Amino acid sequence: MSEPETSTAAMDRIGSLPDEILIHILSFVPTKQCHVPNLHFTDTKLSNLADNYRFNEFIYSILLSREAAGNHSINTFVLYIEYNYANSTPNVTNWVNYVVDRKIQHLILIFI
């Protein structure tokens, strides 16, 4: 009997969920589970200012929950966002300062 074929799309069911559902699911993750030192954030599916606000709040909550749990090291921080100078600059600056202070090894910023 042969193994069923699995495609990347079939394997990544969580990644295809709407951001609101992902944020809700992640809100149940215990703080001690926030130790993963590779953080990847993308806002390419956000369609309005309210979604952008929730995305920003989500990143802040992840960074703050890591801080509260005593997880100070971050190996990789990837930020892939649609850049709006007026709205994005303060947040991006804060996030970059935060991860640089924690001696990040890989910082990847992609602005579209």
N, C-alpha and C. Protein backbone atom coordinates (compact mmCIF):
# COMPACT_ATOMS: atom_id res chain seq x y z
N MET A 1 0.84 -1.18 0.00
CA MET A 1 0.00 0.00 0.00
C MET A 1 0.89 1.25 0.00
N SER A 2 0.62 2.15 -0.88
CA SER A 2 1.47 3.34 -0.99
C SER A 2 1.02 4.43 -0.03
N GLU A 3 1.99 5.29 0.30
CA GLU A 3 1.72 6.42 1.18
C GLU A 3 0.86 7.45 0.46
N PRO A 4 -0.10 8.07 1.15
CA PRO A 4 -0.88 9.12 0.49
C PRO A 4 0.01 10.31 0.17
N GLU A 5 -0.26 10.93 -0.94
CA GLU A 5 0.51 12.10 -1.36
C GLU A 5 0.09 13.30 -0.54
N THR A 6 1.06 14.02 0.00
CA THR A 6 0.75 15.22 0.77
C THR A 6 1.43 16.40 0.11
N SER A 7 0.66 17.41 -0.14
CA SER A 7 1.23 18.63 -0.72
C SER A 7 1.46 19.63 0.39
N THR A 8 2.23 20.65 0.10
CA THR A 8 2.47 21.70 1.07
C THR A 8 1.16 22.36 1.48
N ALA A 9 0.27 22.57 0.54
CA ALA A 9 -1.02 23.20 0.84
C ALA A 9 -1.83 22.33 1.79
N ALA A 10 -1.79 21.03 1.60
CA ALA A 10 -2.55 20.12 2.47
C ALA A 10 -1.94 20.08 3.86
N MET A 11 -0.63 20.21 3.96
CA MET A 11 0.04 20.14 5.24
C MET A 11 -0.13 21.42 6.06
N ASP A 12 -0.30 22.55 5.42
CA ASP A 12 -0.38 23.83 6.11
C ASP A 12 -1.82 24.31 6.20
N ARG A 13 -2.62 23.62 6.94
CA ARG A 13 -4.01 24.04 7.11
C ARG A 13 -4.12 25.25 8.02
N ILE A 14 -3.29 25.32 9.03
CA ILE A 14 -3.35 26.44 9.96
C ILE A 14 -2.98 27.74 9.26
N GLY A 15 -1.98 27.70 8.40
CA GLY A 15 -1.53 28.90 7.71
C GLY A 15 -2.58 29.50 6.80
N SER A 16 -3.56 28.70 6.41
CA SER A 16 -4.60 29.21 5.51
C SER A 16 -5.80 29.79 6.27
N LEU A 17 -5.78 29.68 7.60
CA LEU A 17 -6.88 30.25 8.39
C LEU A 17 -6.80 31.77 8.40
N PRO A 18 -7.94 32.44 8.56
CA PRO A 18 -7.92 33.90 8.68
C PRO A 18 -7.13 34.34 9.91
N ASP A 19 -6.51 35.50 9.83
CA ASP A 19 -5.69 36.00 10.94
C ASP A 19 -6.47 36.09 12.24
N GLU A 20 -7.74 36.46 12.18
CA GLU A 20 -8.54 36.58 13.39
C GLU A 20 -8.62 35.25 14.13
N ILE A 21 -8.75 34.16 13.39
CA ILE A 21 -8.83 32.83 14.01
C ILE A 21 -7.46 32.43 14.55
N LEU A 22 -6.41 32.71 13.79
CA LEU A 22 -5.06 32.39 14.27
C LEU A 22 -4.75 33.12 15.57
N ILE A 23 -5.09 34.39 15.63
CA ILE A 23 -4.85 35.17 16.85
C ILE A 23 -5.65 34.60 18.00
N HIS A 24 -6.89 34.22 17.74
CA HIS A 24 -7.72 33.63 18.79
C HIS A 24 -7.10 32.31 19.29
N ILE A 25 -6.65 31.47 18.38
CA ILE A 25 -6.03 30.20 18.76
C ILE A 25 -4.77 30.45 19.59
N LEU A 26 -3.93 31.37 19.12
CA LEU A 26 -2.68 31.65 19.83
C LEU A 26 -2.90 32.28 21.19
N SER A 27 -4.04 32.90 21.40
CA SER A 27 -4.31 33.49 22.71
C SER A 27 -4.45 32.43 23.80
N PHE A 28 -4.65 31.17 23.41
CA PHE A 28 -4.76 30.08 24.37
C PHE A 28 -3.42 29.41 24.67
N VAL A 29 -2.39 29.77 23.94
CA VAL A 29 -1.07 29.16 24.15
C VAL A 29 -0.51 29.70 25.46
N PRO A 30 -0.11 28.80 26.37
CA PRO A 30 0.46 29.26 27.64
C PRO A 30 1.72 30.09 27.40
N THR A 31 1.96 31.04 28.28
CA THR A 31 3.11 31.92 28.13
C THR A 31 4.41 31.14 28.04
N LYS A 32 4.51 30.04 28.78
CA LYS A 32 5.76 29.28 28.75
C LYS A 32 6.03 28.67 27.38
N GLN A 33 5.01 28.60 26.52
CA GLN A 33 5.20 28.07 25.18
C GLN A 33 5.71 29.13 24.21
N CYS A 34 5.82 30.34 24.67
CA CYS A 34 6.27 31.44 23.81
C CYS A 34 7.79 31.55 23.79
N HIS A 35 8.47 30.43 23.85
CA HIS A 35 9.92 30.43 23.92
C HIS A 35 10.59 30.23 22.56
N VAL A 36 9.82 30.01 21.53
CA VAL A 36 10.40 29.78 20.22
C VAL A 36 11.19 31.01 19.80
N PRO A 37 12.50 30.85 19.56
CA PRO A 37 13.32 32.02 19.29
C PRO A 37 13.28 32.53 17.85
N ASN A 38 12.42 31.97 17.00
CA ASN A 38 12.29 32.43 15.62
C ASN A 38 10.90 33.01 15.43
N LEU A 39 10.82 34.30 15.20
CA LEU A 39 9.54 34.98 15.08
C LEU A 39 9.36 35.48 13.66
N HIS A 40 8.28 35.05 13.01
CA HIS A 40 7.98 35.45 11.63
C HIS A 40 6.59 36.08 11.60
N PHE A 41 6.50 37.30 11.12
CA PHE A 41 5.23 38.01 11.05
C PHE A 41 5.02 38.53 9.63
N THR A 42 3.80 38.36 9.13
CA THR A 42 3.46 38.90 7.81
C THR A 42 2.06 39.51 7.85
N ASP A 43 1.89 40.64 7.21
CA ASP A 43 0.58 41.29 7.18
C ASP A 43 0.00 41.35 5.77
N THR A 44 0.46 40.50 4.89
CA THR A 44 0.04 40.60 3.49
C THR A 44 -1.43 40.32 3.26
N LYS A 45 -2.11 39.70 4.21
CA LYS A 45 -3.53 39.39 4.03
C LYS A 45 -4.44 40.42 4.69
N LEU A 46 -3.87 41.45 5.26
CA LEU A 46 -4.68 42.45 5.95
C LEU A 46 -5.27 43.42 4.94
N SER A 47 -6.54 43.72 5.15
CA SER A 47 -7.22 44.52 4.13
C SER A 47 -7.62 45.92 4.59
N ASN A 48 -7.57 46.18 5.90
CA ASN A 48 -8.00 47.50 6.34
C ASN A 48 -7.22 47.93 7.58
N LEU A 49 -7.46 49.14 8.02
CA LEU A 49 -6.74 49.72 9.14
C LEU A 49 -7.01 48.95 10.44
N ALA A 50 -8.23 48.48 10.63
CA ALA A 50 -8.55 47.72 11.85
C ALA A 50 -7.74 46.43 11.90
N ASP A 51 -7.61 45.74 10.77
CA ASP A 51 -6.79 44.53 10.72
C ASP A 51 -5.33 44.86 11.01
N ASN A 52 -4.86 45.97 10.47
CA ASN A 52 -3.49 46.40 10.71
C ASN A 52 -3.26 46.67 12.19
N TYR A 53 -4.21 47.31 12.83
CA TYR A 53 -4.11 47.59 14.26
C TYR A 53 -4.02 46.28 15.05
N ARG A 54 -4.88 45.30 14.71
CA ARG A 54 -4.85 44.01 15.41
C ARG A 54 -3.52 43.29 15.17
N PHE A 55 -2.99 43.39 13.97
CA PHE A 55 -1.69 42.80 13.65
C PHE A 55 -0.60 43.41 14.54
N ASN A 56 -0.58 44.74 14.64
CA ASN A 56 0.40 45.42 15.48
C ASN A 56 0.26 45.00 16.94
N GLU A 57 -0.96 44.95 17.42
CA GLU A 57 -1.21 44.53 18.80
C GLU A 57 -0.76 43.09 19.03
N PHE A 58 -0.96 42.24 18.04
CA PHE A 58 -0.55 40.84 18.13
C PHE A 58 0.97 40.74 18.29
N ILE A 59 1.71 41.49 17.49
CA ILE A 59 3.17 41.45 17.60
C ILE A 59 3.61 41.94 18.97
N TYR A 60 3.03 43.04 19.43
CA TYR A 60 3.37 43.54 20.76
C TYR A 60 3.06 42.49 21.83
N SER A 61 1.91 41.82 21.71
CA SER A 61 1.54 40.83 22.73
C SER A 61 2.51 39.65 22.74
N ILE A 62 2.97 39.21 21.57
CA ILE A 62 3.94 38.12 21.51
C ILE A 62 5.26 38.56 22.15
N LEU A 63 5.73 39.74 21.81
CA LEU A 63 6.99 40.21 22.38
C LEU A 63 6.88 40.40 23.89
N LEU A 64 5.77 40.96 24.35
CA LEU A 64 5.59 41.16 25.79
C LEU A 64 5.42 39.85 26.54
N SER A 65 4.73 38.88 25.95
CA SER A 65 4.56 37.58 26.62
C SER A 65 5.90 36.86 26.72
N ARG A 66 6.75 37.01 25.72
CA ARG A 66 8.10 36.43 25.79
C ARG A 66 8.89 37.09 26.91
N GLU A 67 8.75 38.38 27.04
CA GLU A 67 9.46 39.13 28.08
C GLU A 67 8.99 38.67 29.46
N ALA A 68 7.67 38.55 29.64
CA ALA A 68 7.11 38.13 30.92
C ALA A 68 7.55 36.72 31.29
N ALA A 69 7.74 35.87 30.30
CA ALA A 69 8.15 34.48 30.54
C ALA A 69 9.66 34.37 30.75
N GLY A 70 10.37 35.47 30.61
CA GLY A 70 11.81 35.45 30.78
C GLY A 70 12.57 34.94 29.57
N ASN A 71 11.92 34.91 28.43
CA ASN A 71 12.57 34.47 27.19
C ASN A 71 13.16 35.68 26.49
N HIS A 72 14.41 35.92 26.74
CA HIS A 72 15.02 37.15 26.23
C HIS A 72 15.75 36.97 24.91
N SER A 73 16.09 35.74 24.54
CA SER A 73 16.85 35.58 23.30
C SER A 73 15.92 35.33 22.12
N ILE A 74 16.27 35.92 21.01
CA ILE A 74 15.54 35.72 19.76
C ILE A 74 16.59 35.49 18.68
N ASN A 75 16.52 34.35 18.02
CA ASN A 75 17.49 34.07 16.96
C ASN A 75 17.14 34.81 15.69
N THR A 76 15.87 34.74 15.28
CA THR A 76 15.44 35.29 14.00
C THR A 76 14.16 36.08 14.17
N PHE A 77 14.10 37.24 13.57
CA PHE A 77 12.89 38.05 13.54
C PHE A 77 12.65 38.44 12.09
N VAL A 78 11.54 37.96 11.54
CA VAL A 78 11.19 38.26 10.15
C VAL A 78 9.92 39.09 10.15
N LEU A 79 9.95 40.21 9.49
CA LEU A 79 8.78 41.08 9.37
C LEU A 79 8.54 41.35 7.89
N TYR A 80 7.42 40.88 7.39
CA TYR A 80 7.05 41.03 5.98
C TYR A 80 5.75 41.82 5.97
N ILE A 81 5.84 43.12 5.68
CA ILE A 81 4.65 43.96 5.80
C ILE A 81 4.50 44.90 4.62
N GLU A 82 3.25 45.33 4.45
CA GLU A 82 2.97 46.43 3.53
C GLU A 82 3.28 47.69 4.31
N TYR A 83 4.24 48.44 3.85
CA TYR A 83 4.77 49.56 4.62
C TYR A 83 4.03 50.85 4.32
N ASN A 84 3.46 51.42 5.35
CA ASN A 84 2.82 52.73 5.29
C ASN A 84 3.62 53.61 6.24
N TYR A 85 4.39 54.52 5.71
CA TYR A 85 5.35 55.28 6.51
C TYR A 85 4.73 55.86 7.78
N ALA A 86 3.63 56.55 7.65
CA ALA A 86 3.03 57.23 8.80
C ALA A 86 2.57 56.26 9.88
N ASN A 87 1.96 55.15 9.47
CA ASN A 87 1.42 54.21 10.45
C ASN A 87 2.44 53.17 10.91
N SER A 88 3.40 52.84 10.08
CA SER A 88 4.30 51.73 10.37
C SER A 88 5.57 52.12 11.11
N THR A 89 6.08 53.30 10.85
CA THR A 89 7.39 53.67 11.37
C THR A 89 7.54 53.51 12.88
N PRO A 90 6.64 54.05 13.71
CA PRO A 90 6.84 53.89 15.16
C PRO A 90 6.85 52.43 15.60
N ASN A 91 5.96 51.63 15.06
CA ASN A 91 5.91 50.22 15.46
C ASN A 91 7.15 49.47 15.01
N VAL A 92 7.51 49.62 13.75
CA VAL A 92 8.68 48.91 13.23
C VAL A 92 9.93 49.32 14.01
N THR A 93 10.08 50.59 14.29
CA THR A 93 11.22 51.07 15.07
C THR A 93 11.25 50.41 16.44
N ASN A 94 10.11 50.36 17.11
CA ASN A 94 10.04 49.73 18.44
C ASN A 94 10.39 48.25 18.37
N TRP A 95 9.85 47.54 17.38
CA TRP A 95 10.11 46.10 17.26
C TRP A 95 11.58 45.84 16.98
N VAL A 96 12.17 46.60 16.06
CA VAL A 96 13.58 46.41 15.72
C VAL A 96 14.45 46.71 16.94
N ASN A 97 14.18 47.80 17.65
CA ASN A 97 14.94 48.11 18.86
C ASN A 97 14.83 46.98 19.88
N TYR A 98 13.63 46.44 20.04
CA TYR A 98 13.40 45.36 21.00
C TYR A 98 14.26 44.15 20.67
N VAL A 99 14.23 43.70 19.41
CA VAL A 99 14.97 42.48 19.05
C VAL A 99 16.48 42.73 19.02
N VAL A 100 16.91 43.93 18.64
CA VAL A 100 18.34 44.24 18.64
C VAL A 100 18.87 44.24 20.07
N ASP A 101 18.09 44.75 21.02
CA ASP A 101 18.48 44.73 22.43
C ASP A 101 18.65 43.31 22.96
N ARG A 102 18.01 42.35 22.31
CA ARG A 102 18.10 40.95 22.73
C ARG A 102 19.12 40.17 21.89
N LYS A 103 20.01 40.90 21.29
CA LYS A 103 21.14 40.32 20.54
C LYS A 103 20.68 39.34 19.46
N ILE A 104 19.77 39.80 18.66
CA ILE A 104 19.23 38.98 17.56
C ILE A 104 20.35 38.56 16.61
N GLN A 105 20.21 37.35 16.06
CA GLN A 105 21.21 36.85 15.12
C GLN A 105 20.83 37.16 13.67
N HIS A 106 19.53 37.09 13.35
CA HIS A 106 19.06 37.32 11.98
C HIS A 106 17.85 38.24 12.02
N LEU A 107 17.97 39.38 11.38
CA LEU A 107 16.86 40.33 11.28
C LEU A 107 16.53 40.49 9.80
N ILE A 108 15.29 40.14 9.46
CA ILE A 108 14.86 40.23 8.06
C ILE A 108 13.63 41.12 8.00
N LEU A 109 13.76 42.25 7.31
CA LEU A 109 12.65 43.19 7.14
C LEU A 109 12.34 43.27 5.65
N ILE A 110 11.09 42.98 5.30
CA ILE A 110 10.66 43.04 3.91
C ILE A 110 9.48 43.99 3.84
N PHE A 111 9.65 45.09 3.13
CA PHE A 111 8.60 46.09 2.99
C PHE A 111 8.10 46.06 1.55
N ILE A 112 6.79 45.92 1.40
CA ILE A 112 6.22 45.90 0.05
C ILE A 112 5.34 47.11 -0.14
